[in-house]
């Protein structure tokens, strides 16, 4: 069994404890094949995103618990995934199931603190630099437009009704697209800011272990973005690397960065639309 574990935003002590519990799970529930586990802070404040990929497919989970509870929670999620794979394999083999002799999992833990200590984590873009300041102004202008047009969209009557939430999301997306019907690529990610962003994204990717790069590329969606496009429901939102997020300009609540196979996009969370994008980021 070959398991690669990538952990971002967790203290050294937390990484050690998580590593210990993961080793125990792998020893108790041994499965063949290649596996990967990625844990990182979510773009939603106070949450953690977990992705486990293996022969069974991909499992995604989010946690709101304190960092001290993460080792146990991550271990339980991994154990559930290994059991799922075992059950699937038993069903496929039927009564002729065979056992596999495998070694203890090989763990390759990459912590964001270790990257910083190695000099691999440059500071956030200078907020006072002309291109960065211009980017922030353009983001603020979009945010104001979205806020204004949203006033014409009826508020939610029930926040626990998925269908009502989805309907308002669609209505908000239509209102924003109408309000910026002439929007073009580069309206927010100007050529100047794109030139500043690209080397940061490329360097962050190149500094990852080779297998970490593979896991990252396997997770991110593969489609060509368009301005004002609704984010396709068939493509899951891949976890945005915390080490990379720390290097980019901060965004207001309701906007987020996301990676695609060939692009960085700016996504409006409430309307689920692609506001702008930069190509050739890898």
Protein backbone atom coordinates (compact mmCIF):
# COMPACT_ATOMS: atom_id res chain seq x y z
CA UNK A 1 0.00 0.00 0.00
CA UNK A 2 1.40 3.35 -1.03
CA UNK A 3 -0.18 6.37 0.65
CA UNK A 4 0.93 9.95 0.12
CA UNK A 5 -0.26 12.43 2.73
CA UNK A 6 -0.15 16.19 2.23
CA UNK A 7 -1.03 18.42 5.17
CA UNK A 8 -1.16 22.20 5.03
CA UNK A 9 -1.72 24.74 7.77
CA UNK A 10 -1.25 22.34 10.70
CA UNK A 11 1.40 22.70 13.41
CA UNK A 12 4.37 20.33 13.61
CA UNK A 13 2.83 18.64 16.66
CA UNK A 14 -0.46 18.19 14.82
CA UNK A 15 1.30 16.71 11.80
CA UNK A 16 3.15 14.21 14.00
CA UNK A 17 -0.03 13.08 15.75
CA UNK A 18 -1.91 12.84 12.46
CA UNK A 19 0.92 10.81 10.98
CA UNK A 20 0.83 8.44 13.95
CA UNK A 21 -2.92 7.86 13.69
CA UNK A 22 -2.81 7.44 9.92
CA UNK A 23 -0.07 4.83 10.24
CA UNK A 24 -2.22 2.93 12.72
CA UNK A 25 -5.24 3.02 10.40
CA UNK A 26 -3.14 1.78 7.48
CA UNK A 27 -1.70 -1.01 9.58
CA UNK A 28 -5.14 -2.11 10.82
CA UNK A 29 -6.90 -1.77 7.45
CA UNK A 30 -4.43 -2.64 4.73
CA UNK A 31 -5.47 -2.05 1.13
CA UNK A 32 -3.55 -2.44 -2.15
CA UNK A 33 -2.99 0.29 -4.68
CA UNK A 34 -1.95 3.91 -4.63
CA UNK A 35 -3.68 6.31 -2.25
CA UNK A 36 -3.43 10.02 -1.53
CA UNK A 37 -4.76 12.20 1.27
CA UNK A 38 -4.83 16.01 1.25
CA UNK A 39 -5.84 18.14 4.23
CA UNK A 40 -5.81 21.94 4.06
CA UNK A 41 -7.63 24.95 5.49
CA UNK A 42 -10.84 25.70 3.63
CA UNK A 43 -11.50 29.08 2.05
CA UNK A 44 -14.51 29.15 4.36
CA UNK A 45 -13.19 30.49 7.64
CA UNK A 46 -12.99 27.95 10.44
CA UNK A 47 -13.26 24.90 8.16
CA UNK A 48 -10.86 22.24 6.94
CA UNK A 49 -11.10 20.38 3.63
CA UNK A 50 -10.11 16.72 3.29
CA UNK A 51 -9.69 14.79 0.04
CA UNK A 52 -8.94 11.05 -0.05
CA UNK A 53 -8.30 9.40 -3.41
CA UNK A 54 -7.83 5.68 -4.03
CA UNK A 55 -8.92 2.79 -6.23
CA UNK A 56 -12.49 3.27 -4.96
CA UNK A 57 -12.62 6.84 -6.30
CA UNK A 58 -12.46 10.14 -4.45
CA UNK A 59 -13.93 11.14 -1.09
CA UNK A 60 -14.30 14.78 0.01
CA UNK A 61 -15.16 15.98 3.52
CA UNK A 62 -15.12 19.26 5.45
CA UNK A 63 -14.62 19.81 9.18
CA UNK A 64 -15.39 22.74 11.45
CA UNK A 65 -13.71 21.26 14.52
CA UNK A 66 -10.63 22.71 16.22
CA UNK A 67 -7.24 21.71 14.83
CA UNK A 68 -6.57 19.55 17.91
CA UNK A 69 -9.39 17.23 16.84
CA UNK A 70 -8.20 16.84 13.24
CA UNK A 71 -5.91 13.80 13.70
CA UNK A 72 -8.76 11.66 15.00
CA UNK A 73 -11.27 12.94 12.43
CA UNK A 74 -8.90 12.46 9.51
CA UNK A 75 -8.05 8.95 10.70
CA UNK A 76 -11.74 8.03 10.89
CA UNK A 77 -12.41 9.38 7.40
CA UNK A 78 -9.45 7.42 6.01
CA UNK A 79 -10.60 4.26 7.79
CA UNK A 80 -14.06 4.63 6.25
CA UNK A 81 -12.54 5.01 2.78
CA UNK A 82 -10.36 1.92 3.22
CA UNK A 83 -13.38 -0.07 4.38
CA UNK A 84 -15.36 1.15 1.38
CA UNK A 85 -12.60 -0.01 -0.95
CA UNK A 86 -12.43 -3.39 0.81
CA UNK A 87 -16.20 -3.88 0.54
CA UNK A 88 -16.16 -2.96 -3.15
CA UNK A 89 -13.33 -5.38 -3.82
CA UNK A 90 -15.11 -8.19 -1.96
CA UNK A 91 -18.25 -7.59 -3.97
CA UNK A 92 -16.29 -7.74 -7.21
CA UNK A 93 -14.44 -10.93 -6.32
CA UNK A 94 -17.37 -12.71 -4.68
CA UNK A 95 -16.57 -15.89 -2.79
CA UNK A 96 -13.14 -16.24 -4.39
CA UNK A 97 -11.65 -13.36 -2.42
CA UNK A 98 -7.91 -13.44 -1.96
CA UNK A 99 -5.72 -11.72 0.56
CA UNK A 100 -2.91 -9.35 -0.30
CA UNK A 101 0.37 -9.13 1.56
CA UNK A 102 1.46 -5.51 1.78
CA UNK A 103 3.81 -3.42 3.83
CA UNK A 104 3.19 -0.50 6.14
CA UNK A 105 2.09 2.60 4.29
CA UNK A 106 4.76 4.94 3.04
CA UNK A 107 3.92 8.43 4.24
CA UNK A 108 5.20 11.59 2.61
CA UNK A 109 3.95 14.49 4.72
CA UNK A 110 4.35 18.01 3.40
CA UNK A 111 3.49 20.76 5.89
CA UNK A 112 3.18 24.40 4.99
CA UNK A 113 5.37 25.26 7.98
CA UNK A 114 8.14 23.14 6.52
CA UNK A 115 7.84 24.95 3.21
CA UNK A 116 8.17 28.28 4.97
CA UNK A 117 11.19 27.11 6.91
CA UNK A 118 12.84 26.01 3.65
CA UNK A 119 12.30 29.40 2.06
CA UNK A 120 9.67 28.10 -0.37
CA UNK A 121 6.88 30.43 0.81
CA UNK A 122 7.39 33.97 -0.50
CA UNK A 123 5.36 36.74 1.08
CA UNK A 124 1.96 37.84 -0.19
CA UNK A 125 2.02 40.20 -3.15
CA UNK A 126 2.73 43.76 -2.07
CA UNK A 127 -0.67 45.37 -1.53
CA UNK A 128 0.83 48.77 -2.32
CA UNK A 129 2.24 47.72 -5.70
CA UNK A 130 0.38 49.46 -8.56
CA UNK A 131 -0.87 46.23 -10.18
CA UNK A 132 -2.05 44.76 -6.85
CA UNK A 133 -3.76 48.00 -5.80
CA UNK A 134 -5.49 48.18 -9.18
CA UNK A 135 -6.61 44.56 -8.82
CA UNK A 136 -8.12 45.29 -5.40
CA UNK A 137 -10.01 48.28 -6.83
CA UNK A 138 -11.42 46.16 -9.65
CA UNK A 139 -12.47 43.45 -7.21
CA UNK A 140 -14.18 46.07 -5.03
CA UNK A 141 -15.98 47.50 -8.07
CA UNK A 142 -17.29 44.05 -8.98
CA UNK A 143 -18.31 43.42 -5.39
CA UNK A 144 -20.28 46.70 -5.34
CA UNK A 145 -22.02 45.81 -8.62
CA UNK A 146 -22.97 42.36 -7.34
CA UNK A 147 -24.28 43.88 -4.11
CA UNK A 148 -26.40 46.43 -6.00
CA UNK A 149 -27.97 43.99 -8.45
CA UNK A 150 -28.64 41.48 -5.67
CA UNK A 151 -31.08 43.95 -4.14
CA UNK A 152 -33.46 43.10 -6.95
CA UNK A 153 -33.34 39.39 -6.10
CA UNK A 154 -35.80 38.31 -3.40
CA UNK A 155 -34.05 37.21 -0.18
CA UNK A 156 -34.22 33.64 1.03
CA UNK A 157 -37.30 32.78 3.04
CA UNK A 158 -35.77 29.54 4.28
CA UNK A 159 -32.04 28.98 4.59
CA UNK A 160 -32.48 25.22 5.08
CA UNK A 161 -34.23 24.59 1.75
CA UNK A 162 -31.68 23.46 -0.89
CA UNK A 163 -34.08 24.08 -3.78
CA UNK A 164 -34.76 27.65 -2.65
CA UNK A 165 -31.05 28.29 -2.18
CA UNK A 166 -30.33 26.93 -5.66
CA UNK A 167 -33.10 29.02 -7.21
CA UNK A 168 -31.77 32.21 -5.65
CA UNK A 169 -28.25 31.33 -6.78
CA UNK A 170 -29.50 31.06 -10.36
CA UNK A 171 -31.46 34.31 -10.10
CA UNK A 172 -28.46 36.12 -8.64
CA UNK A 173 -26.25 34.78 -11.43
CA UNK A 174 -28.67 36.06 -14.06
CA UNK A 175 -28.82 39.48 -12.40
CA UNK A 176 -25.02 39.78 -12.26
CA UNK A 177 -24.56 38.63 -15.86
CA UNK A 178 -27.11 41.22 -16.95
CA UNK A 179 -25.38 43.92 -14.90
CA UNK A 180 -21.99 43.17 -16.50
CA UNK A 181 -23.10 41.95 -19.90
CA UNK A 182 -20.09 43.51 -21.57
CA UNK A 183 -17.53 41.90 -19.25
CA UNK A 184 -14.40 40.54 -20.94
CA UNK A 185 -11.44 38.42 -19.80
CA UNK A 186 -8.90 40.69 -18.18
CA UNK A 187 -11.40 43.17 -16.76
CA UNK A 188 -10.29 42.18 -13.26
CA UNK A 189 -7.24 39.99 -13.91
CA UNK A 190 -5.53 42.65 -16.01
CA UNK A 191 -2.42 41.72 -18.03
CA UNK A 192 -0.31 43.38 -15.31
CA UNK A 193 -1.82 41.37 -12.47
CA UNK A 194 -1.74 38.20 -14.57
CA UNK A 195 2.00 38.67 -15.05
CA UNK A 196 2.36 39.03 -11.28
CA UNK A 197 0.19 35.99 -10.46
CA UNK A 198 1.59 33.47 -12.96
CA UNK A 199 5.11 33.07 -11.53
CA UNK A 200 3.70 32.73 -8.01
CA UNK A 201 1.33 29.92 -9.06
CA UNK A 202 3.96 28.20 -11.21
CA UNK A 203 6.58 28.33 -8.44
CA UNK A 204 4.14 27.02 -5.82
CA UNK A 205 3.35 24.08 -8.09
CA UNK A 206 6.98 23.32 -8.99
CA UNK A 207 8.06 23.30 -5.34
CA UNK A 208 5.66 20.45 -4.55
CA UNK A 209 6.86 16.83 -4.60
CA UNK A 210 6.37 15.18 -7.98
CA UNK A 211 3.62 12.94 -6.67
CA UNK A 212 2.04 15.91 -4.94
CA UNK A 213 1.90 17.63 -8.31
CA UNK A 214 0.17 14.58 -9.77
CA UNK A 215 -2.42 14.51 -6.99
CA UNK A 216 -3.08 18.22 -7.45
CA UNK A 217 -3.51 17.92 -11.23
CA UNK A 218 -5.78 14.90 -10.81
CA UNK A 219 -8.06 16.85 -8.47
CA UNK A 220 -8.50 20.12 -10.33
CA UNK A 221 -11.29 20.36 -12.94
CA UNK A 222 -10.56 20.20 -16.66
CA UNK A 223 -12.66 22.71 -18.55
CA UNK A 224 -12.05 25.99 -20.36
CA UNK A 225 -13.56 28.89 -18.39
CA UNK A 226 -15.57 31.80 -19.75
CA UNK A 227 -16.39 35.12 -18.11
CA UNK A 228 -19.88 35.14 -16.53
CA UNK A 229 -20.10 31.35 -16.96
CA UNK A 230 -21.96 29.35 -14.33
CA UNK A 231 -19.47 27.04 -12.64
CA UNK A 232 -20.37 23.59 -14.08
CA UNK A 233 -22.11 21.37 -11.55
CA UNK A 234 -20.42 18.27 -12.97
CA UNK A 235 -17.00 19.54 -11.86
CA UNK A 236 -16.32 19.51 -8.09
CA UNK A 237 -14.54 22.45 -6.49
CA UNK A 238 -10.97 21.36 -5.85
CA UNK A 239 -9.31 22.41 -2.60
CA UNK A 240 -7.23 25.55 -3.10
CA UNK A 241 -3.69 25.13 -1.68
CA UNK A 242 -3.29 27.09 1.55
CA UNK A 243 0.36 27.86 0.78
CA UNK A 244 -0.66 29.47 -2.51
CA UNK A 245 -3.63 31.32 -1.01
CA UNK A 246 -1.28 32.97 1.48
CA UNK A 247 0.69 34.53 -1.39
CA UNK A 248 -2.22 36.07 -3.30
CA UNK A 249 -4.16 39.25 -2.49
CA UNK A 250 -6.98 38.77 -0.01
CA UNK A 251 -10.52 38.69 -1.34
CA UNK A 252 -13.76 39.90 0.28
CA UNK A 253 -16.21 37.33 1.61
CA UNK A 254 -18.22 35.86 -1.25
CA UNK A 255 -15.33 35.75 -3.73
CA UNK A 256 -12.71 33.02 -3.99
CA UNK A 257 -9.82 31.76 -6.08
CA UNK A 258 -10.09 28.32 -7.69
CA UNK A 259 -7.73 26.37 -9.92
CA UNK A 260 -8.57 24.61 -13.18
CA UNK A 261 -6.27 22.47 -15.29
CA UNK A 262 -5.03 25.50 -17.20
CA UNK A 263 -6.42 28.51 -15.35
CA UNK A 264 -6.90 30.42 -12.14
CA UNK A 265 -10.48 31.64 -11.82
CA UNK A 266 -12.19 34.22 -9.64
CA UNK A 267 -15.51 32.75 -8.53
CA UNK A 268 -18.54 34.45 -7.02
CA UNK A 269 -19.60 31.98 -4.35
CA UNK A 270 -23.17 33.22 -3.90
CA UNK A 271 -23.97 33.37 -7.62
CA UNK A 272 -21.70 30.44 -8.61
CA UNK A 273 -20.31 32.29 -11.62
CA UNK A 274 -16.81 32.75 -12.99
CA UNK A 275 -16.03 36.46 -12.70
CA UNK A 276 -12.68 36.39 -14.51
CA UNK A 277 -9.73 34.06 -15.15
CA UNK A 278 -6.04 33.80 -16.00
CA UNK A 279 -4.79 31.15 -18.44
CA UNK A 280 -1.38 29.46 -18.56
CA UNK A 281 -0.86 29.25 -14.80
CA UNK A 282 0.96 25.90 -14.80
